Amino acid sequence: MTLDREHFFLKYKIDASSFEKTDLDWAELQKIFDDFIGKYEQLSQAARMAAEGIRTAPGVHSIRYRVKDPEHLIEKIIRKKIKDPSREINSETYFSEITDLIGIRALHLFKDDWFPIHQYILNTWELNEPPKTFIREGDIVPDIYRQHTNVEPHEFGYRSVHYLIKNKPYKDQLIMEVQVRTIFEEGWSEIDHTIRYPYDLDNQTFNSFLQIFNRLAGSADEMGTYINFLKNELDLKDKRHKDELEEKNNLIESLESTVSKISALSAKEKNTLLAEINTLKQKVNTSPTWSYSGTSVFSPLGITINPQQGISFDVQSTVSHPGLGKWIGGAQQLGTPGLPSSLTVRNESPVKYDVLKSILPQQALKK
């Protein structure tokens, strides 16, 4: 395929006078174009192999990859030469000078998913340069990104972690660009790229609205991270509760077995002890079930988890519950003197009836 210079300049909005200042030879650009087309299938296979490898990394939600369009390669070379005429780009050097001939994007759901992907990339390939984390000016950057990457504000608010990896699936060594970002970062980037790139980068109307959209995308990432943290915390508490129940049930079974084997007790005394153990078993196995409503998490016992106020429960609907002292942590009275309206869980130490009795009026306590 022969590139028509005038048609190419018109299609990609390249100023002819600016091109002339670059000293680029159109015949040399045609040679690069033909060489790249000849290697396109090999590049596609190399991109596919690398992408499938990254897909196996922990935390990866989905993978996208592409080989650069041949015309876009020529356009990029021209624009790079216009920006820096001293740069040497020809048919012998373009493979090393253009570092995104192959582009791979690894998408993940939560910010916390990034580090396992980062470790996979470092353990699999040699890097051409240290990884970079691009951020929006004003973003709060977790320390883990600063410890393992170079953090740089991006002029358009673009967020992503970039890697240039060395790969040599065939004769020529390739530099592949790998971008790792969240799904929200990807969504904003795709819309921004579609609207502005490459000819409306200075459109202030687009820029203003896209900056608002960028802030919303960042907030969505933070909310996703918080919800994931909350879920993990609740799952952990639920597991601890189940483990405690299992431990107590094992103890009860051991007591039942021991009582049954004590020959000195009469049948009536054994039955009385076993009945008391059975009552204890029913109390121990009373388990709260969490549900979600609005901005708080509720349980049937009146317990509320509020992101701003911590964990609390209504006294009158809770203290009468037979399993209260078995799983609710140390409590502290809130509000004005008299019948308190709520208690706040401070830790996971057992609450005994005597402790509640010391901080609550008698009319609030029911055994």
Protein backbone atom coordinates (compact mmCIF):
# COMPACT_ATOMS: atom_id res chain seq x y z
CA MET A 1 0.00 0.00 0.00
CA THR A 2 1.38 3.39 -1.03
CA LEU A 3 0.88 6.34 1.30
CA ASP A 4 -0.33 9.50 -0.46
CA ARG A 5 1.34 12.41 1.27
CA GLU A 6 -1.27 15.11 0.59
CA HIS A 7 -4.18 12.84 1.53
CA PHE A 8 -2.32 11.76 4.68
CA PHE A 9 -1.69 15.35 5.78
CA LEU A 10 -5.35 16.22 5.24
CA LYS A 11 -6.65 13.12 7.05
CA TYR A 12 -4.45 13.59 10.13
CA LYS A 13 -4.40 17.41 10.14
CA ILE A 14 -0.62 17.71 9.71
CA ASP A 15 0.75 21.10 8.72
CA ALA A 16 2.98 20.74 5.62
CA SER A 17 5.34 23.55 6.65
CA SER A 18 5.86 21.97 10.09
CA PHE A 19 6.61 18.65 8.40
CA GLU A 20 9.25 20.22 6.18
CA LYS A 21 11.15 21.43 9.27
CA THR A 22 11.58 17.88 10.51
CA ASP A 23 13.83 16.79 7.62
CA LEU A 24 11.82 13.56 7.44
CA ASP A 25 11.99 11.77 4.10
CA TRP A 26 8.59 10.57 2.87
CA ALA A 27 10.24 7.57 1.19
CA GLU A 28 11.75 6.57 4.53
CA LEU A 29 8.30 6.82 6.16
CA GLN A 30 6.93 4.57 3.41
CA LYS A 31 9.72 2.09 4.18
CA ILE A 32 8.78 2.10 7.89
CA PHE A 33 5.12 1.63 6.93
CA ASP A 34 5.89 -1.38 4.70
CA ASP A 35 8.24 -2.94 7.25
CA PHE A 36 5.66 -2.61 10.03
CA ILE A 37 2.89 -4.17 7.93
CA GLY A 38 5.22 -7.09 7.17
CA LYS A 39 5.72 -7.70 10.90
CA TYR A 40 2.13 -7.03 11.93
CA GLU A 41 1.06 -10.67 12.30
CA GLN A 42 4.10 -11.54 14.43
CA LEU A 43 3.41 -8.51 16.61
CA SER A 44 -0.21 -9.60 17.01
CA GLN A 45 0.88 -13.04 18.19
CA ALA A 46 3.40 -11.52 20.61
CA ALA A 47 0.74 -9.18 22.01
CA ARG A 48 -1.71 -12.06 22.46
CA MET A 49 0.86 -14.22 24.31
CA ALA A 50 1.86 -11.41 26.68
CA ALA A 51 -1.76 -10.44 27.34
CA GLU A 52 -2.78 -14.02 28.13
CA GLY A 53 0.11 -14.23 30.58
CA ILE A 54 -0.96 -11.06 32.40
CA ARG A 55 -4.56 -12.35 32.45
CA THR A 56 -3.43 -15.06 34.90
CA ALA A 57 -2.12 -12.52 37.43
CA PRO A 58 -4.12 -12.29 40.69
CA GLY A 59 -6.50 -9.33 40.69
CA VAL A 60 -6.88 -8.97 36.90
CA HIS A 61 -10.51 -8.47 35.93
CA SER A 62 -10.07 -8.24 32.16
CA ILE A 63 -7.43 -7.66 29.49
CA ARG A 64 -7.34 -5.57 26.33
CA TYR A 65 -4.50 -5.42 23.82
CA ARG A 66 -3.77 -4.04 20.39
CA VAL A 67 -1.02 -3.60 17.82
CA LYS A 68 -0.65 -0.01 16.66
CA ASP A 69 -2.40 0.87 13.42
CA PRO A 70 0.28 1.35 10.68
CA GLU A 71 -1.02 4.78 9.65
CA HIS A 72 -1.15 5.89 13.28
CA LEU A 73 2.48 4.81 13.61
CA ILE A 74 3.50 7.13 10.76
CA GLU A 75 1.41 9.96 12.22
CA LYS A 76 3.07 9.51 15.62
CA ILE A 77 6.57 9.54 14.12
CA ILE A 78 5.78 12.80 12.29
CA ARG A 79 4.36 14.45 15.42
CA LYS A 80 7.35 13.34 17.51
CA LYS A 81 9.74 14.82 14.94
CA ILE A 82 7.75 18.08 14.81
CA LYS A 83 8.02 18.30 18.60
CA ASP A 84 11.71 17.32 18.66
CA PRO A 85 13.45 17.62 15.25
CA SER A 86 16.72 16.28 16.69
CA ARG A 87 15.20 12.88 17.37
CA GLU A 88 16.40 10.10 15.04
CA ILE A 89 13.58 7.85 13.89
CA ASN A 90 14.03 5.69 10.80
CA SER A 91 13.39 2.16 9.56
CA GLU A 92 16.29 0.88 11.68
CA THR A 93 15.37 2.59 14.96
CA TYR A 94 11.58 2.92 15.06
CA PHE A 95 11.16 -0.39 16.92
CA SER A 96 13.04 1.02 19.92
CA GLU A 97 11.98 4.66 19.58
CA ILE A 98 8.23 3.98 19.50
CA THR A 99 7.45 2.13 22.70
CA ASP A 100 3.75 1.49 22.22
CA LEU A 101 3.80 -0.58 19.02
CA ILE A 102 2.09 -3.12 21.26
CA GLY A 103 -0.26 -1.87 23.99
CA ILE A 104 -1.78 -4.02 26.73
CA ARG A 105 -4.28 -2.88 29.36
CA ALA A 106 -4.88 -4.89 32.51
CA LEU A 107 -8.05 -3.78 34.28
CA HIS A 108 -8.88 -4.45 37.91
CA LEU A 109 -11.92 -3.73 40.11
CA PHE A 110 -10.43 -2.25 43.27
CA LYS A 111 -7.33 -0.16 43.95
CA ASP A 112 -6.09 -2.88 46.29
CA ASP A 113 -5.91 -5.31 43.34
CA TRP A 114 -3.02 -3.44 41.72
CA PHE A 115 -0.04 -4.70 43.71
CA PRO A 116 -0.33 -8.45 42.82
CA ILE A 117 -0.47 -7.45 39.13
CA HIS A 118 2.57 -5.22 39.63
CA GLN A 119 4.48 -8.13 41.19
CA TYR A 120 3.54 -10.46 38.33
CA ILE A 121 4.86 -8.02 35.72
CA LEU A 122 8.15 -7.49 37.58
CA ASN A 123 8.65 -11.23 38.07
CA THR A 124 7.95 -12.02 34.40
CA TRP A 125 9.71 -9.35 32.33
CA GLU A 126 12.67 -7.00 32.43
CA LEU A 127 11.60 -3.37 32.44
CA ASN A 128 12.91 -0.81 29.99
CA GLU A 129 12.49 1.90 32.66
CA PRO A 130 10.99 2.18 36.15
CA PRO A 131 7.16 2.02 36.22
CA LYS A 132 5.24 5.29 36.38
CA THR A 133 1.99 6.06 38.17
CA PHE A 134 0.11 8.88 36.50
CA ILE A 135 -2.32 10.75 38.73
CA ARG A 136 -4.64 13.72 38.65
CA GLU A 137 -3.22 16.78 40.44
CA GLY A 138 -4.56 16.72 43.99
CA ASP A 139 -5.12 12.95 44.18
CA ILE A 140 -4.30 11.25 47.49
CA VAL A 141 -1.74 8.61 46.51
CA PRO A 142 -1.32 5.54 48.76
CA ASP A 143 2.23 5.01 50.00
CA ILE A 144 2.49 1.65 48.22
CA TYR A 145 2.43 3.43 44.82
CA ARG A 146 5.15 5.87 45.88
CA GLN A 147 7.28 3.01 47.21
CA HIS A 148 7.19 0.96 44.01
CA THR A 149 6.68 3.45 41.17
CA ASN A 150 7.54 6.99 40.12
CA VAL A 151 4.41 9.11 40.70
CA GLU A 152 3.78 11.88 38.16
CA PRO A 153 0.79 14.25 37.83
CA HIS A 154 -0.71 14.09 34.32
CA GLU A 155 -1.68 17.35 32.68
CA PHE A 156 -5.09 15.97 31.64
CA GLY A 157 -5.81 14.10 34.87
CA TYR A 158 -5.17 10.67 33.36
CA ARG A 159 -4.75 7.88 35.95
CA SER A 160 -2.86 4.66 35.28
CA VAL A 161 0.31 2.73 36.11
CA HIS A 162 2.57 2.35 33.05
CA TYR A 163 5.21 -0.28 32.38
CA LEU A 164 7.57 -0.58 29.42
CA ILE A 165 8.53 -4.24 29.28
CA LYS A 166 11.18 -5.90 27.15
CA ASN A 167 10.01 -8.90 25.18
CA LYS A 168 11.72 -10.95 22.46
CA PRO A 169 9.31 -13.58 21.13
CA TYR A 170 11.02 -13.44 17.72
CA LYS A 171 14.29 -12.10 16.29
CA ASP A 172 13.74 -8.45 17.15
CA GLN A 173 13.40 -7.27 20.75
CA LEU A 174 10.12 -5.46 21.39
CA ILE A 175 9.22 -2.79 23.89
CA MET A 176 5.61 -3.28 24.96
CA GLU A 177 3.58 -0.76 26.90
CA VAL A 178 1.45 -2.24 29.70
CA GLN A 179 -1.14 -0.05 31.41
CA VAL A 180 -2.71 -1.18 34.67
CA ARG A 181 -5.79 0.69 35.90
CA THR A 182 -9.23 0.30 37.46
CA ILE A 183 -12.38 -0.12 35.42
CA PHE A 184 -13.52 3.40 36.39
CA GLU A 185 -10.18 4.85 35.26
CA GLU A 186 -10.54 2.95 31.99
CA GLY A 187 -14.08 4.25 31.43
CA TRP A 188 -13.04 7.87 31.92
CA SER A 189 -9.92 7.45 29.78
CA GLU A 190 -11.86 5.91 26.89
CA ILE A 191 -14.44 8.70 26.89
CA ASP A 192 -11.75 11.38 27.21
CA HIS A 193 -9.76 9.82 24.36
CA THR A 194 -12.84 9.56 22.12
CA ILE A 195 -13.89 13.18 22.72
CA ARG A 196 -10.57 15.03 22.73
CA TYR A 197 -7.78 13.01 21.15
CA PRO A 198 -5.91 14.07 19.12
CA TYR A 199 -7.48 17.21 17.69
CA ASP A 200 -9.46 18.77 20.55
CA LEU A 201 -6.85 18.69 23.31
CA ASP A 202 -7.18 22.45 23.83
CA ASN A 203 -10.99 22.61 23.72
CA GLN A 204 -11.81 24.32 27.05
CA THR A 205 -15.51 23.39 26.95
CA PHE A 206 -14.70 19.70 26.65
CA ASN A 207 -11.90 19.98 29.20
CA SER A 208 -14.13 21.54 31.89
CA PHE A 209 -16.77 18.82 31.71
CA LEU A 210 -14.22 16.03 31.41
CA GLN A 211 -12.45 17.31 34.55
CA ILE A 212 -15.74 17.02 36.47
CA PHE A 213 -16.20 13.54 35.05
CA ASN A 214 -12.64 12.72 36.11
CA ARG A 215 -13.36 13.71 39.72
CA LEU A 216 -16.50 11.57 39.72
CA ALA A 217 -14.51 8.59 38.42
CA GLY A 218 -11.95 9.08 41.20
CA SER A 219 -14.71 9.26 43.82
CA ALA A 220 -16.28 6.09 42.41
CA ASP A 221 -12.94 4.30 42.85
CA GLU A 222 -12.72 5.47 46.46
CA MET A 223 -16.28 4.31 47.16
CA GLY A 224 -15.57 0.94 45.57
CA THR A 225 -12.47 0.55 47.74
CA TYR A 226 -14.45 1.46 50.89
CA ILE A 227 -17.29 -0.97 50.10
CA ASN A 228 -14.75 -3.73 49.48
CA PHE A 229 -13.07 -2.94 52.81
CA LEU A 230 -16.44 -2.97 54.61
CA LYS A 231 -17.37 -6.33 53.09
CA ASN A 232 -14.04 -7.86 54.09
CA GLU A 233 -14.43 -6.55 57.65
CA LEU A 234 -17.95 -7.96 57.99
CA ASP A 235 -16.86 -11.30 56.50
CA LEU A 236 -14.00 -11.42 59.00
CA LYS A 237 -16.31 -10.67 61.94
CA ASP A 238 -18.78 -13.28 60.72
CA LYS A 239 -16.00 -15.86 60.47
CA ARG A 240 -14.79 -15.05 63.97
CA HIS A 241 -18.32 -15.39 65.29
CA LYS A 242 -18.78 -18.77 63.62
CA ASP A 243 -15.42 -19.95 64.93
CA GLU A 244 -16.40 -18.91 68.46
CA LEU A 245 -19.72 -20.72 68.15
CA GLU A 246 -18.01 -23.85 66.93
CA GLU A 247 -15.56 -23.72 69.83
CA LYS A 248 -18.37 -23.26 72.37
CA ASN A 249 -20.48 -26.00 70.80
CA ASN A 250 -17.52 -28.35 71.06
CA LEU A 251 -17.19 -27.46 74.73
CA ILE A 252 -20.91 -28.08 75.31
CA GLU A 253 -20.70 -31.48 73.62
CA SER A 254 -17.75 -32.31 75.85
CA LEU A 255 -19.78 -31.30 78.93
CA GLU A 256 -22.72 -33.41 77.79
CA SER A 257 -20.44 -36.39 77.38
CA THR A 258 -18.84 -35.83 80.78
CA VAL A 259 -22.20 -35.49 82.58
CA SER A 260 -23.49 -38.67 80.99
CA LYS A 261 -20.46 -40.58 82.28
CA ILE A 262 -20.64 -39.39 85.89
CA SER A 263 -21.99 -42.39 87.80
CA ALA A 264 -22.41 -40.56 91.12
CA LEU A 265 -25.28 -38.45 89.76
CA SER A 266 -28.82 -39.65 89.83
CA ALA A 267 -30.81 -39.86 86.62
CA LYS A 268 -32.83 -36.82 87.74
CA GLU A 269 -29.68 -34.78 88.43
CA LYS A 270 -28.19 -35.77 85.06
CA ASN A 271 -31.37 -34.78 83.25
CA THR A 272 -31.42 -31.44 85.05
CA LEU A 273 -27.80 -30.71 84.10
CA LEU A 274 -28.38 -31.79 80.50
CA ALA A 275 -31.45 -29.56 80.32
CA GLU A 276 -29.40 -26.59 81.53
CA ILE A 277 -26.68 -27.40 79.00
CA ASN A 278 -29.31 -27.56 76.26
CA THR A 279 -30.61 -24.13 77.31
CA LEU A 280 -27.05 -22.80 77.16
CA LYS A 281 -26.63 -24.35 73.71
CA GLN A 282 -29.72 -22.55 72.41
CA LYS A 283 -28.43 -19.23 73.77
CA VAL A 284 -24.96 -19.73 72.28
CA ASN A 285 -26.33 -20.65 68.86
CA THR A 286 -28.39 -17.47 68.60
CA SER A 287 -26.61 -15.79 65.70
CA PRO A 288 -27.23 -12.27 64.34
CA THR A 289 -27.96 -11.94 60.61
CA TRP A 290 -26.68 -8.76 58.96
CA SER A 291 -28.68 -6.77 56.43
CA TYR A 292 -28.05 -3.46 54.66
CA SER A 293 -30.28 -0.39 54.50
CA GLY A 294 -29.43 3.14 53.47
CA THR A 295 -26.09 4.19 54.98
CA SER A 296 -26.09 1.68 57.86
CA VAL A 297 -25.90 -2.06 58.41
CA PHE A 298 -28.55 -3.57 60.70
CA SER A 299 -29.01 -6.83 62.56
CA PRO A 300 -32.16 -8.26 64.17
CA LEU A 301 -30.79 -7.25 67.58
CA GLY A 302 -30.97 -3.55 66.74
CA ILE A 303 -27.25 -3.27 66.11
CA THR A 304 -26.26 -0.51 63.67
CA ILE A 305 -22.96 -0.01 61.85
CA ASN A 306 -22.70 3.53 60.53
CA PRO A 307 -19.61 4.53 58.47
CA GLN A 308 -19.37 7.79 60.42
CA GLN A 309 -20.50 6.72 63.91
CA GLY A 310 -19.20 3.17 64.36
CA ILE A 311 -21.24 0.28 65.79
CA SER A 312 -24.15 0.85 68.19
CA PHE A 313 -27.25 -0.96 69.42
CA ASP A 314 -30.54 0.00 71.01
CA VAL A 315 -30.52 -0.96 74.70
CA GLN A 316 -34.12 -2.04 75.26
CA SER A 317 -34.28 -4.18 72.14
CA THR A 318 -30.91 -5.77 72.79
CA VAL A 319 -30.13 -6.43 76.43
CA SER A 320 -33.08 -8.77 76.76
CA HIS A 321 -31.66 -11.00 74.04
CA PRO A 322 -30.40 -14.29 75.56
CA GLY A 323 -27.17 -14.31 73.54
CA LEU A 324 -26.15 -10.73 74.32
CA GLY A 325 -23.30 -11.49 76.69
CA LYS A 326 -21.89 -14.12 74.36
CA TRP A 327 -20.83 -12.01 71.40
CA ILE A 328 -21.21 -8.26 71.90
CA GLY A 329 -17.98 -6.53 72.89
CA GLY A 330 -17.21 -4.17 75.78
CA ALA A 331 -19.85 -1.44 75.95
CA GLN A 332 -19.81 2.21 76.92
CA GLN A 333 -22.86 4.32 77.77
CA LEU A 334 -23.70 7.22 75.45
CA GLY A 335 -26.06 10.18 75.80
CA THR A 336 -27.55 11.82 78.88
CA PRO A 337 -27.99 10.24 82.34
CA GLY A 338 -30.95 7.95 82.79
CA LEU A 339 -32.03 5.26 80.40
CA PRO A 340 -29.37 5.35 77.65
CA SER A 341 -30.53 5.27 74.06
CA SER A 342 -27.56 3.40 72.66
CA LEU A 343 -24.29 1.66 73.42
CA THR A 344 -21.16 1.58 71.27
CA VAL A 345 -19.07 -1.56 70.77
CA ARG A 346 -15.46 -0.79 71.66
CA ASN A 347 -13.81 -4.23 71.43
CA GLU A 348 -14.63 -7.90 71.31
CA SER A 349 -14.17 -8.80 74.96
CA PRO A 350 -17.18 -10.69 76.44
CA VAL A 351 -19.88 -8.58 78.11
CA LYS A 352 -21.25 -10.18 81.25
CA TYR A 353 -24.62 -9.46 82.82
CA ASP A 354 -22.93 -7.88 85.83
CA VAL A 355 -21.15 -5.37 83.56
CA LEU A 356 -24.42 -4.34 81.91
CA LYS A 357 -26.07 -4.16 85.32
CA SER A 358 -23.47 -1.67 86.49
CA ILE A 359 -24.09 0.75 83.62
CA LEU A 360 -27.82 0.34 82.91
CA PRO A 361 -30.91 1.12 85.02
CA GLN A 362 -32.62 -1.97 86.40
CA GLN A 363 -35.75 -1.46 84.27
CA ALA A 364 -33.68 -1.87 81.10
CA LEU A 365 -32.29 -5.26 82.11
CA LYS A 366 -34.14 -8.50 81.53
CA LYS A 367 -32.46 -11.86 82.02
